Amino acid sequence: MMNIGDIFSPYKIFNGSLVPNWIMRRKEISSTSKLLYGRLSQYSGKSGNCFPSRKSLSKELGVSIIRIDRAIKQLKECGLIKTKQRGLSKSSRYFFMWQKWCKERTKRHEK
């Protein structure tokens, strides 16, 4: 049993978002945009697209809706996502776009 303050290894303990190393290294992408990319990736499932609301994303990432809008805009400008409006009162659908960065691999000795 773990107690508060105990040392532990987080390996395979938590469920969560994955922010790929190739996007973590991009200097032209803000940290909010990187977190948003990871969260959208978690929502995407097998289909590769998702449609969480901006309000949900705002709550989950702990940032304002304005920051979510900026992050979406930045990911779109970098060609990493595309959005499509699903309807007047519905959330947008998000699609992931393949870029040359996506194939970058982290060297084995990098952590």
PDB file of N, CA and C in Angstrom:
ATOM      1  N   MET A   1       0.840  -1.185   0.000  1.00  0.00           N
ATOM      2  CA  MET A   1       0.000   0.000   0.000  1.00  0.00           C
ATOM      3  C   MET A   1       0.881   1.243   0.000  1.00  0.00           C
ATOM      4  N   MET A   2       0.520   2.180  -0.860  1.00  0.00           N
ATOM      5  CA  MET A   2       1.293   3.417  -0.962  1.00  0.00           C
ATOM      6  C   MET A   2       0.778   4.445   0.034  1.00  0.00           C
ATOM      7  N   ASN A   3       1.705   5.160   0.608  1.00  0.00           N
ATOM      8  CA  ASN A   3       1.367   6.261   1.502  1.00  0.00           C
ATOM      9  C   ASN A   3       1.822   7.566   0.864  1.00  0.00           C
ATOM     10  N   ILE A   4       1.178   8.654   1.216  1.00  0.00           N
ATOM     11  CA  ILE A   4       1.567   9.958   0.693  1.00  0.00           C
ATOM     12  C   ILE A   4       3.036  10.202   1.000  1.00  0.00           C
ATOM     13  N   GLY A   5       3.789  10.598  -0.025  1.00  0.00           N
ATOM     14  CA  GLY A   5       5.208  10.868   0.126  1.00  0.00           C
ATOM     15  C   GLY A   5       6.105   9.683  -0.187  1.00  0.00           C
ATOM     16  N   ASP A   6       5.530   8.474  -0.391  1.00  0.00           N
ATOM     17  CA  ASP A   6       6.336   7.310  -0.758  1.00  0.00           C
ATOM     18  C   ASP A   6       6.888   7.473  -2.168  1.00  0.00           C
ATOM     19  N   ILE A   7       8.073   6.955  -2.402  1.00  0.00           N
ATOM     20  CA  ILE A   7       8.657   6.922  -3.733  1.00  0.00           C
ATOM     21  C   ILE A   7       8.013   5.774  -4.502  1.00  0.00           C
ATOM     22  N   PHE A   8       7.708   6.010  -5.785  1.00  0.00           N
ATOM     23  CA  PHE A   8       7.099   4.952  -6.588  1.00  0.00           C
ATOM     24  C   PHE A   8       7.475   5.138  -8.045  1.00  0.00           C
ATOM     25  N   SER A   9       7.248   4.119  -8.841  1.00  0.00           N
ATOM     26  CA  SER A   9       7.463   4.197 -10.285  1.00  0.00           C
ATOM     27  C   SER A   9       6.103   4.338 -10.962  1.00  0.00           C
ATOM     28  N   PRO A  10       5.916   5.370 -11.795  1.00  0.00           N
ATOM     29  CA  PRO A  10       4.625   5.552 -12.465  1.00  0.00           C
ATOM     30  C   PRO A  10       4.418   4.618 -13.655  1.00  0.00           C
ATOM     31  N   TYR A  11       5.417   3.772 -13.960  1.00  0.00           N
ATOM     32  CA  TYR A  11       5.360   2.892 -15.120  1.00  0.00           C
ATOM     33  C   TYR A  11       4.099   2.035 -15.099  1.00  0.00           C
ATOM     34  N   LYS A  12       3.270   2.196 -16.123  1.00  0.00           N
ATOM     35  CA  LYS A  12       2.025   1.439 -16.344  1.00  0.00           C
ATOM     36  C   LYS A  12       1.005   1.553 -15.204  1.00  0.00           C
ATOM     37  N   ILE A  13       1.080   2.616 -14.436  1.00  0.00           N
ATOM     38  CA  ILE A  13       0.117   2.807 -13.348  1.00  0.00           C
ATOM     39  C   ILE A  13      -1.045   3.690 -13.796  1.00  0.00           C
ATOM     40  N   PHE A  14      -0.735   4.728 -14.570  1.00  0.00           N
ATOM     41  CA  PHE A  14      -1.737   5.728 -14.895  1.00  0.00           C
ATOM     42  C   PHE A  14      -2.275   5.574 -16.313  1.00  0.00           C
ATOM     43  N   ASN A  15      -3.532   5.921 -16.495  1.00  0.00           N
ATOM     44  CA  ASN A  15      -4.112   6.085 -17.822  1.00  0.00           C
ATOM     45  C   ASN A  15      -4.011   7.566 -18.150  1.00  0.00           C
ATOM     46  N   GLY A  16      -3.794   7.880 -19.403  1.00  0.00           N
ATOM     47  CA  GLY A  16      -3.728   9.291 -19.722  1.00  0.00           C
ATOM     48  C   GLY A  16      -3.384   9.557 -21.164  1.00  0.00           C
ATOM     49  N   SER A  17      -3.105  10.797 -21.421  1.00  0.00           N
ATOM     50  CA  SER A  17      -2.797  11.262 -22.764  1.00  0.00           C
ATOM     51  C   SER A  17      -1.342  10.975 -23.106  1.00  0.00           C
ATOM     52  N   LEU A  18      -1.098  10.787 -24.395  1.00  0.00           N
ATOM     53  CA  LEU A  18       0.255  10.597 -24.883  1.00  0.00           C
ATOM     54  C   LEU A  18       0.622  11.780 -25.759  1.00  0.00           C
ATOM     55  N   VAL A  19       1.671  12.478 -25.371  1.00  0.00           N
ATOM     56  CA  VAL A  19       2.205  13.546 -26.208  1.00  0.00           C
ATOM     57  C   VAL A  19       3.486  12.977 -26.821  1.00  0.00           C
ATOM     58  N   PRO A  20       3.484  12.719 -28.125  1.00  0.00           N
ATOM     59  CA  PRO A  20       4.655  12.101 -28.755  1.00  0.00           C
ATOM     60  C   PRO A  20       5.912  12.959 -28.594  1.00  0.00           C
ATOM     61  N   ASN A  21       7.053  12.283 -28.523  1.00  0.00           N
ATOM     62  CA  ASN A  21       8.328  13.000 -28.374  1.00  0.00           C
ATOM     63  C   ASN A  21       8.572  13.970 -29.515  1.00  0.00           C
ATOM     64  N   TRP A  22       8.159  13.616 -30.730  1.00  0.00           N
ATOM     65  CA  TRP A  22       8.415  14.503 -31.865  1.00  0.00           C
ATOM     66  C   TRP A  22       7.701  15.839 -31.706  1.00  0.00           C
ATOM     67  N   ILE A  23       6.546  15.846 -31.067  1.00  0.00           N
ATOM     68  CA  ILE A  23       5.847  17.126 -30.867  1.00  0.00           C
ATOM     69  C   ILE A  23       6.399  17.855 -29.631  1.00  0.00           C
ATOM     70  N   MET A  24       6.875  17.089 -28.646  1.00  0.00           N
ATOM     71  CA  MET A  24       7.454  17.712 -27.448  1.00  0.00           C
ATOM     72  C   MET A  24       8.676  18.550 -27.805  1.00  0.00           C
ATOM     73  N   ARG A  25       9.420  18.150 -28.832  1.00  0.00           N
ATOM     74  CA  ARG A  25      10.647  18.856 -29.219  1.00  0.00           C
ATOM     75  C   ARG A  25      10.392  20.089 -30.081  1.00  0.00           C
ATOM     76  N   ARG A  26       9.195  20.276 -30.590  1.00  0.00           N
ATOM     77  CA  ARG A  26       8.909  21.403 -31.484  1.00  0.00           C
ATOM     78  C   ARG A  26       8.884  22.699 -30.693  1.00  0.00           C
ATOM     79  N   LYS A  27       9.721  23.643 -31.051  1.00  0.00           N
ATOM     80  CA  LYS A  27       9.798  24.924 -30.350  1.00  0.00           C
ATOM     81  C   LYS A  27       8.722  25.899 -30.809  1.00  0.00           C
ATOM     82  N   GLU A  28       8.191  25.695 -32.004  1.00  0.00           N
ATOM     83  CA  GLU A  28       7.177  26.614 -32.516  1.00  0.00           C
ATOM     84  C   GLU A  28       5.763  26.277 -32.019  1.00  0.00           C
ATOM     85  N   ILE A  29       5.644  25.257 -31.195  1.00  0.00           N
ATOM     86  CA  ILE A  29       4.335  24.844 -30.678  1.00  0.00           C
ATOM     87  C   ILE A  29       4.314  25.079 -29.168  1.00  0.00           C
ATOM     88  N   SER A  30       3.299  25.775 -28.693  1.00  0.00           N
ATOM     89  CA  SER A  30       3.194  26.092 -27.260  1.00  0.00           C
ATOM     90  C   SER A  30       2.920  24.835 -26.436  1.00  0.00           C
ATOM     91  N   SER A  31       3.194  24.941 -25.153  1.00  0.00           N
ATOM     92  CA  SER A  31       2.944  23.799 -24.260  1.00  0.00           C
ATOM     93  C   SER A  31       1.454  23.471 -24.199  1.00  0.00           C
ATOM     94  N   THR A  32       0.601  24.476 -24.248  1.00  0.00           N
ATOM     95  CA  THR A  32      -0.846  24.216 -24.259  1.00  0.00           C
ATOM     96  C   THR A  32      -1.245  23.447 -25.508  1.00  0.00           C
ATOM     97  N   SER A  33      -0.678  23.811 -26.653  1.00  0.00           N
ATOM     98  CA  SER A  33      -0.989  23.108 -27.899  1.00  0.00           C
ATOM     99  C   SER A  33      -0.512  21.665 -27.839  1.00  0.00           C
ATOM    100  N   LYS A  34       0.638  21.437 -27.221  1.00  0.00           N
ATOM    101  CA  LYS A  34       1.161  20.076 -27.074  1.00  0.00           C
ATOM    102  C   LYS A  34       0.244  19.235 -26.190  1.00  0.00           C
ATOM    103  N   LEU A  35      -0.193  19.827 -25.075  1.00  0.00           N
ATOM    104  CA  LEU A  35      -1.122  19.110 -24.199  1.00  0.00           C
ATOM    105  C   LEU A  35      -2.447  18.827 -24.906  1.00  0.00           C
ATOM    106  N   LEU A  36      -2.917  19.807 -25.659  1.00  0.00           N
ATOM    107  CA  LEU A  36      -4.164  19.629 -26.396  1.00  0.00           C
ATOM    108  C   LEU A  36      -4.025  18.505 -27.421  1.00  0.00           C
ATOM    109  N   TYR A  37      -2.909  18.460 -28.130  1.00  0.00           N
ATOM    110  CA  TYR A  37      -2.671  17.398 -29.101  1.00  0.00           C
ATOM    111  C   TYR A  37      -2.735  16.027 -28.417  1.00  0.00           C
ATOM    112  N   GLY A  38      -2.094  15.920 -27.251  1.00  0.00           N
ATOM    113  CA  GLY A  38      -2.128  14.668 -26.500  1.00  0.00           C
ATOM    114  C   GLY A  38      -3.529  14.280 -26.074  1.00  0.00           C
ATOM    115  N   ARG A  39      -4.303  15.259 -25.618  1.00  0.00           N
ATOM    116  CA  ARG A  39      -5.678  14.974 -25.174  1.00  0.00           C
ATOM    117  C   ARG A  39      -6.560  14.587 -26.354  1.00  0.00           C
ATOM    118  N   LEU A  40      -6.432  15.284 -27.473  1.00  0.00           N
ATOM    119  CA  LEU A  40      -7.195  14.923 -28.670  1.00  0.00           C
ATOM    120  C   LEU A  40      -6.807  13.522 -29.144  1.00  0.00           C
ATOM    121  N   SER A  41      -5.517  13.190 -29.044  1.00  0.00           N
ATOM    122  CA  SER A  41      -5.062  11.850 -29.414  1.00  0.00           C
ATOM    123  C   SER A  41      -5.759  10.791 -28.571  1.00  0.00           C
ATOM    124  N   GLN A  42      -5.925  11.078 -27.296  1.00  0.00           N
ATOM    125  CA  GLN A  42      -6.578  10.122 -26.402  1.00  0.00           C
ATOM    126  C   GLN A  42      -8.047   9.952 -26.775  1.00  0.00           C
ATOM    127  N   TYR A  43      -8.691  11.007 -27.175  1.00  0.00           N
ATOM    128  CA  TYR A  43     -10.089  10.939 -27.592  1.00  0.00           C
ATOM    129  C   TYR A  43     -10.284  10.233 -28.933  1.00  0.00           C
ATOM    130  N   SER A  44      -9.267  10.217 -29.769  1.00  0.00           N
ATOM    131  CA  SER A  44      -9.447   9.824 -31.173  1.00  0.00           C
ATOM    132  C   SER A  44      -9.832   8.377 -31.409  1.00  0.00           C
ATOM    133  N   GLY A  45      -9.334   7.455 -30.642  1.00  0.00           N
ATOM    134  CA  GLY A  45      -9.670   6.054 -30.853  1.00  0.00           C
ATOM    135  C   GLY A  45      -9.206   5.545 -32.208  1.00  0.00           C
ATOM    136  N   LYS A  46      -9.765   4.431 -32.642  1.00  0.00           N
ATOM    137  CA  LYS A  46      -9.355   3.795 -33.897  1.00  0.00           C
ATOM    138  C   LYS A  46      -9.670   4.637 -35.121  1.00  0.00           C
ATOM    139  N   SER A  47     -10.716   5.410 -35.074  1.00  0.00           N
ATOM    140  CA  SER A  47     -11.148   6.179 -36.240  1.00  0.00           C
ATOM    141  C   SER A  47     -10.180   7.307 -36.595  1.00  0.00           C
ATOM    142  N   GLY A  48      -9.413   7.769 -35.615  1.00  0.00           N
ATOM    143  CA  GLY A  48      -8.472   8.852 -35.866  1.00  0.00           C
ATOM    144  C   GLY A  48      -9.096  10.233 -35.858  1.00  0.00           C
ATOM    145  N   ASN A  49     -10.372  10.336 -35.512  1.00  0.00           N
ATOM    146  CA  ASN A  49     -10.983  11.656 -35.369  1.00  0.00           C
ATOM    147  C   ASN A  49     -11.814  11.671 -34.097  1.00  0.00           C
ATOM    148  N   CYS A  50     -12.104  12.845 -33.602  1.00  0.00           N
ATOM    149  CA  CYS A  50     -12.827  12.970 -32.341  1.00  0.00           C
ATOM    150  C   CYS A  50     -13.592  14.284 -32.321  1.00  0.00           C
ATOM    151  N   PHE A  51     -14.431  14.472 -31.336  1.00  0.00           N
ATOM    152  CA  PHE A  51     -15.245  15.683 -31.290  1.00  0.00           C
ATOM    153  C   PHE A  51     -15.562  16.142 -29.864  1.00  0.00           C
ATOM    154  N   PRO A  52     -14.553  16.262 -28.992  1.00  0.00           N
ATOM    155  CA  PRO A  52     -14.819  16.812 -27.656  1.00  0.00           C
ATOM    156  C   PRO A  52     -15.145  18.300 -27.750  1.00  0.00           C
ATOM    157  N   SER A  53     -15.930  18.775 -26.819  1.00  0.00           N
ATOM    158  CA  SER A  53     -16.265  20.202 -26.827  1.00  0.00           C
ATOM    159  C   SER A  53     -15.085  21.025 -26.316  1.00  0.00           C
ATOM    160  N   ARG A  54     -15.033  22.269 -26.722  1.00  0.00           N
ATOM    161  CA  ARG A  54     -14.000  23.184 -26.257  1.00  0.00           C
ATOM    162  C   ARG A  54     -14.111  23.372 -24.748  1.00  0.00           C
ATOM    163  N   LYS A  55     -15.334  23.369 -24.244  1.00  0.00           N
ATOM    164  CA  LYS A  55     -15.560  23.512 -22.803  1.00  0.00           C
ATOM    165  C   LYS A  55     -14.967  22.322 -22.047  1.00  0.00           C
ATOM    166  N   SER A  56     -15.175  21.111 -22.553  1.00  0.00           N
ATOM    167  CA  SER A  56     -14.593  19.916 -21.921  1.00  0.00           C
ATOM    168  C   SER A  56     -13.069  19.969 -21.951  1.00  0.00           C
ATOM    169  N   LEU A  57     -12.520  20.333 -23.103  1.00  0.00           N
ATOM    170  CA  LEU A  57     -11.067  20.422 -23.233  1.00  0.00           C
ATOM    171  C   LEU A  57     -10.502  21.464 -22.271  1.00  0.00           C
ATOM    172  N   SER A  58     -11.211  22.576 -22.126  1.00  0.00           N
ATOM    173  CA  SER A  58     -10.799  23.640 -21.216  1.00  0.00           C
ATOM    174  C   SER A  58     -10.732  23.125 -19.778  1.00  0.00           C
ATOM    175  N   LYS A  59     -11.765  22.428 -19.342  1.00  0.00           N
ATOM    176  CA  LYS A  59     -11.806  21.875 -17.982  1.00  0.00           C
ATOM    177  C   LYS A  59     -10.707  20.836 -17.781  1.00  0.00           C
ATOM    178  N   GLU A  60     -10.552  19.946 -18.754  1.00  0.00           N
ATOM    179  CA  GLU A  60      -9.599  18.849 -18.616  1.00  0.00           C
ATOM    180  C   GLU A  60      -8.148  19.316 -18.594  1.00  0.00           C
ATOM    181  N   LEU A  61      -7.836  20.377 -19.337  1.00  0.00           N
ATOM    182  CA  LEU A  61      -6.466  20.882 -19.375  1.00  0.00           C
ATOM    183  C   LEU A  61      -6.222  22.007 -18.375  1.00  0.00           C
ATOM    184  N   GLY A  62      -7.288  22.473 -17.736  1.00  0.00           N
ATOM    185  CA  GLY A  62      -7.145  23.516 -16.722  1.00  0.00           C
ATOM    186  C   GLY A  62      -6.758  24.871 -17.289  1.00  0.00           C
ATOM    187  N   VAL A  63      -7.251  25.162 -18.491  1.00  0.00           N
ATOM    188  CA  VAL A  63      -6.978  26.450 -19.128  1.00  0.00           C
ATOM    189  C   VAL A  63      -8.291  27.036 -19.639  1.00  0.00           C
ATOM    190  N   SER A  64      -8.273  28.305 -19.986  1.00  0.00           N
ATOM    191  CA  SER A  64      -9.481  28.972 -20.474  1.00  0.00           C
ATOM    192  C   SER A  64      -9.848  28.497 -21.882  1.00  0.00           C
ATOM    193  N   ILE A  65     -11.083  28.722 -22.259  1.00  0.00           N
ATOM    194  CA  ILE A  65     -11.541  28.386 -23.606  1.00  0.00           C
ATOM    195  C   ILE A  65     -10.774  29.215 -24.634  1.00  0.00           C
ATOM    196  N   ILE A  66     -10.423  30.438 -24.281  1.00  0.00           N
ATOM    197  CA  ILE A  66      -9.627  31.282 -25.190  1.00  0.00           C
ATOM    198  C   ILE A  66      -8.287  30.618 -25.488  1.00  0.00           C
ATOM    199  N   ARG A  67      -7.642  30.048 -24.449  1.00  0.00           N
ATOM    200  CA  ARG A  67      -6.361  29.350 -24.674  1.00  0.00           C
ATOM    201  C   ARG A  67      -6.559  28.089 -25.505  1.00  0.00           C
ATOM    202  N   ILE A  68      -7.674  27.402 -25.315  1.00  0.00           N
ATOM    203  CA  ILE A  68      -7.983  26.230 -26.142  1.00  0.00           C
ATOM    204  C   ILE A  68      -8.126  26.671 -27.595  1.00  0.00           C
ATOM    205  N   ASP A  69      -8.849  27.767 -27.820  1.00  0.00           N
ATOM    206  CA  ASP A  69      -9.018  28.287 -29.192  1.00  0.00           C
ATOM    207  C   ASP A  69      -7.674  28.628 -29.827  1.00  0.00           C
ATOM    208  N   ARG A  70      -6.788  29.246 -29.062  1.00  0.00           N
ATOM    209  CA  ARG A  70      -5.454  29.581 -29.577  1.00  0.00           C
ATOM    210  C   ARG A  70      -4.654  28.320 -29.912  1.00  0.00           C
ATOM    211  N   ALA A  71      -4.757  27.328 -29.037  1.00  0.00           N
ATOM    212  CA  ALA A  71      -4.026  26.072 -29.254  1.00  0.00           C
ATOM    213  C   ALA A  71      -4.553  25.351 -30.491  1.00  0.00           C
ATOM    214  N   ILE A  72      -5.869  25.329 -30.663  1.00  0.00           N
ATOM    215  CA  ILE A  72      -6.464  24.720 -31.860  1.00  0.00           C
ATOM    216  C   ILE A  72      -5.964  25.444 -33.097  1.00  0.00           C
ATOM    217  N   LYS A  73      -5.986  26.772 -33.051  1.00  0.00           N
ATOM    218  CA  LYS A  73      -5.516  27.567 -34.188  1.00  0.00           C
ATOM    219  C   LYS A  73      -4.058  27.255 -34.509  1.00  0.00           C
ATOM    220  N   GLN A  74      -3.229  27.151 -33.480  1.00  0.00           N
ATOM    221  CA  GLN A  74      -1.808  26.867 -33.693  1.00  0.00           C
ATOM    222  C   GLN A  74      -1.599  25.474 -34.293  1.00  0.00           C
ATOM    223  N   LEU A  75      -2.302  24.488 -33.788  1.00  0.00           N
ATOM    224  CA  LEU A  75      -2.177  23.128 -34.335  1.00  0.00           C
ATOM    225  C   LEU A  75      -2.640  23.080 -35.793  1.00  0.00           C
ATOM    226  N   LYS A  76      -3.668  23.857 -36.105  1.00  0.00           N
ATOM    227  CA  LYS A  76      -4.133  23.933 -37.492  1.00  0.00           C
ATOM    228  C   LYS A  76      -3.097  24.623 -38.372  1.00  0.00           C
ATOM    229  N   GLU A  77      -2.539  25.729 -37.897  1.00  0.00           N
ATOM    230  CA  GLU A  77      -1.537  26.470 -38.672  1.00  0.00           C
ATOM    231  C   GLU A  77      -0.277  25.636 -38.929  1.00  0.00           C
ATOM    232  N   CYS A  78       0.059  24.757 -37.986  1.00  0.00           N
ATOM    233  CA  CYS A  78       1.225  23.871 -38.154  1.00  0.00           C
ATOM    234  C   CYS A  78       0.882  22.641 -38.996  1.00  0.00           C
ATOM    235  N   GLY A  79      -0.376  22.522 -39.391  1.00  0.00           N
ATOM    236  CA  GLY A  79      -0.784  21.404 -40.229  1.00  0.00           C
ATOM    237  C   GLY A  79      -0.912  20.090 -39.490  1.00  0.00           C
ATOM    238  N   LEU A  80      -1.090  20.144 -38.159  1.00  0.00           N
ATOM    239  CA  LEU A  80      -1.178  18.919 -37.372  1.00  0.00           C
ATOM    240  C   LEU A  80      -2.607  18.422 -37.187  1.00  0.00           C
ATOM    241  N   ILE A  81      -3.570  19.336 -37.234  1.00  0.00           N
ATOM    242  CA  ILE A  81      -4.975  18.936 -37.159  1.00  0.00           C
ATOM    243  C   ILE A  81      -5.784  19.719 -38.188  1.00  0.00           C
ATOM    244  N   LYS A  82      -6.956  19.199 -38.461  1.00  0.00           N
ATOM    245  CA  LYS A  82      -7.938  19.869 -39.301  1.00  0.00           C
ATOM    246  C   LYS A  82      -9.254  19.760 -38.537  1.00  0.00           C
ATOM    247  N   THR A  83     -10.098  20.765 -38.641  1.00  0.00           N
ATOM    248  CA  THR A  83     -11.381  20.717 -37.949  1.00  0.00           C
ATOM    249  C   THR A  83     -12.523  20.832 -38.952  1.00  0.00           C
ATOM    250  N   LYS A  84     -13.654  20.301 -38.552  1.00  0.00           N
ATOM    251  CA  LYS A  84     -14.859  20.414 -39.363  1.00  0.00           C
ATOM    252  C   LYS A  84     -16.035  20.621 -38.415  1.00  0.00           C
ATOM    253  N   GLN A  85     -16.785  21.674 -38.645  1.00  0.00           N
ATOM    254  CA  GLN A  85     -17.949  21.966 -37.806  1.00  0.00           C
ATOM    255  C   GLN A  85     -19.025  20.910 -38.053  1.00  0.00           C
ATOM    256  N   ARG A  86     -19.560  20.341 -36.959  1.00  0.00           N
ATOM    257  CA  ARG A  86     -20.575  19.290 -37.090  1.00  0.00           C
ATOM    258  C   ARG A  86     -21.998  19.837 -37.117  1.00  0.00           C
ATOM    259  N   GLY A  87     -22.175  21.044 -36.690  1.00  0.00           N
ATOM    260  CA  GLY A  87     -23.493  21.651 -36.628  1.00  0.00           C
ATOM    261  C   GLY A  87     -23.442  22.905 -35.784  1.00  0.00           C
ATOM    262  N   LEU A  88     -24.495  23.678 -35.828  1.00  0.00           N
ATOM    263  CA  LEU A  88     -24.496  24.972 -35.163  1.00  0.00           C
ATOM    264  C   LEU A  88     -24.212  24.885 -33.670  1.00  0.00           C
ATOM    265  N   SER A  89     -24.836  23.974 -32.965  1.00  0.00           N
ATOM    266  CA  SER A  89     -24.644  23.891 -31.515  1.00  0.00           C
ATOM    267  C   SER A  89     -23.817  22.665 -31.114  1.00  0.00           C
ATOM    268  N   LYS A  90     -23.109  22.086 -32.066  1.00  0.00           N
ATOM    269  CA  LYS A  90     -22.302  20.900 -31.783  1.00  0.00           C
ATOM    270  C   LYS A  90     -20.820  21.248 -31.807  1.00  0.00           C
ATOM    271  N   SER A  91     -20.036  20.391 -31.169  1.00  0.00           N
ATOM    272  CA  SER A  91     -18.585  20.599 -31.172  1.00  0.00           C
ATOM    273  C   SER A  91     -18.002  20.274 -32.549  1.00  0.00           C
ATOM    274  N   SER A  92     -16.831  20.780 -32.793  1.00  0.00           N
ATOM    275  CA  SER A  92     -16.144  20.480 -34.051  1.00  0.00           C
ATOM    276  C   SER A  92     -15.609  19.065 -34.026  1.00  0.00           C
ATOM    277  N   ARG A  93     -15.399  18.507 -35.196  1.00  0.00           N
ATOM    278  CA  ARG A  93     -14.724  17.219 -35.326  1.00  0.00           C
ATOM    279  C   ARG A  93     -13.268  17.523 -35.641  1.00  0.00           C
ATOM    280  N   TYR A  94     -12.361  16.816 -34.992  1.00  0.00           N
ATOM    281  CA  TYR A  94     -10.927  17.028 -35.157  1.00  0.00           C
ATOM    282  C   TYR A  94     -10.319  15.843 -35.896  1.00  0.00           C
ATOM    283  N   PHE A  95      -9.487  16.130 -36.873  1.00  0.00           N
ATOM    284  CA  PHE A  95      -8.789  15.117 -37.657  1.00  0.00           C
ATOM    285  C   PHE A  95      -7.294  15.372 -37.537  1.00  0.00           C
ATOM    286  N   PHE A  96      -6.516  14.321 -37.427  1.00  0.00           N
ATOM    287  CA  PHE A  96      -5.064  14.434 -37.352  1.00  0.00           C
ATOM    288  C   PHE A  96      -4.476  14.380 -38.747  1.00  0.00           C
ATOM    289  N   MET A  97      -3.513  15.261 -38.992  1.00  0.00           N
ATOM    290  CA  MET A  97      -2.876  15.365 -40.302  1.00  0.00           C
ATOM    291  C   MET A  97      -1.422  14.902 -40.187  1.00  0.00           C
ATOM    292  N   TRP A  98      -1.002  14.033 -41.093  1.00  0.00           N
ATOM    293  CA  TRP A  98       0.359  13.516 -41.083  1.00  0.00           C
ATOM    294  C   TRP A  98       1.330  14.592 -41.570  1.00  0.00           C
ATOM    295  N   GLN A  99       2.411  14.759 -40.851  1.00  0.00           N
ATOM    296  CA  GLN A  99       3.462  15.706 -41.222  1.00  0.00           C
ATOM    297  C   GLN A  99       4.815  15.010 -41.144  1.00  0.00           C
ATOM    298  N   LYS A 100       5.832  15.597 -41.722  1.00  0.00           N
ATOM    299  CA  LYS A 100       7.162  14.994 -41.709  1.00  0.00           C
ATOM    300  C   LYS A 100       7.657  14.757 -40.293  1.00  0.00           C
ATOM    301  N   TRP A 101       7.232  15.590 -39.333  1.00  0.00           N
ATOM    302  CA  TRP A 101       7.679  15.431 -37.947  1.00  0.00           C
ATOM    303  C   TRP A 101       7.193  14.114 -37.355  1.00  0.00           C
ATOM    304  N   CYS A 102       6.030  13.641 -37.808  1.00  0.00           N
ATOM    305  CA  CYS A 102       5.398  12.463 -37.217  1.00  0.00           C
ATOM    306  C   CYS A 102       6.280  11.223 -37.288  1.00  0.00           C
ATOM    307  N   LYS A 103       7.168  11.170 -38.263  1.00  0.00           N
ATOM    308  CA  LYS A 103       7.995   9.974 -38.407  1.00  0.00           C
ATOM    309  C   LYS A 103       9.306  10.062 -37.645  1.00  0.00           C
ATOM    310  N   GLU A 104       9.576  11.207 -37.020  1.00  0.00           N
ATOM    311  CA  GLU A 104      10.797  11.339 -36.232  1.00  0.00           C
ATOM    312  C   GLU A 104      10.760  10.362 -35.066  1.00  0.00           C
ATOM    313  N   ARG A 105      11.856   9.746 -34.823  1.00  0.00           N
ATOM    314  CA  ARG A 105      11.962   8.779 -33.732  1.00  0.00           C
ATOM    315  C   ARG A 105      12.929   9.305 -32.679  1.00  0.00           C
ATOM    316  N   THR A 106      12.667   8.942 -31.455  1.00  0.00           N
ATOM    317  CA  THR A 106      13.587   9.291 -30.387  1.00  0.00           C
ATOM    318  C   THR A 106      14.684   8.244 -30.368  1.00  0.00           C
ATOM    319  N   LYS A 107      15.919   8.686 -30.287  1.00  0.00           N
ATOM    320  CA  LYS A 107      17.043   7.753 -30.191  1.00  0.00           C
ATOM    321  C   LYS A 107      16.920   6.962 -28.891  1.00  0.00           C
ATOM    322  N   ARG A 108      17.366   5.734 -28.919  1.00  0.00           N
ATOM    323  CA  ARG A 108      17.243   4.847 -27.768  1.00  0.00           C
ATOM    324  C   ARG A 108      17.854   5.436 -26.490  1.00  0.00           C
ATOM    325  N   HIS A 109      18.956   6.165 -26.619  1.00  0.00           N
ATOM    326  CA  HIS A 109      19.628   6.681 -25.423  1.00  0.00           C
ATOM    327  C   HIS A 109      18.967   7.948 -24.883  1.00  0.00           C
ATOM    328  N   GLU A 110      18.030   8.538 -25.623  1.00  0.00           N
ATOM    329  CA  GLU A 110      17.312   9.711 -25.119  1.00  0.00           C
ATOM    330  C   GLU A 110      16.219   9.277 -24.172  1.00  0.00           C
ATOM    331  N   LYS A 111      16.011  10.052 -23.159  1.00  0.00           N
ATOM    332  CA  LYS A 111      14.942   9.725 -22.213  1.00  0.00           C
ATOM    333  C   LYS A 111      14.005  10.866 -22.070  1.00  0.00           C
TER     334      LYS A 111
END
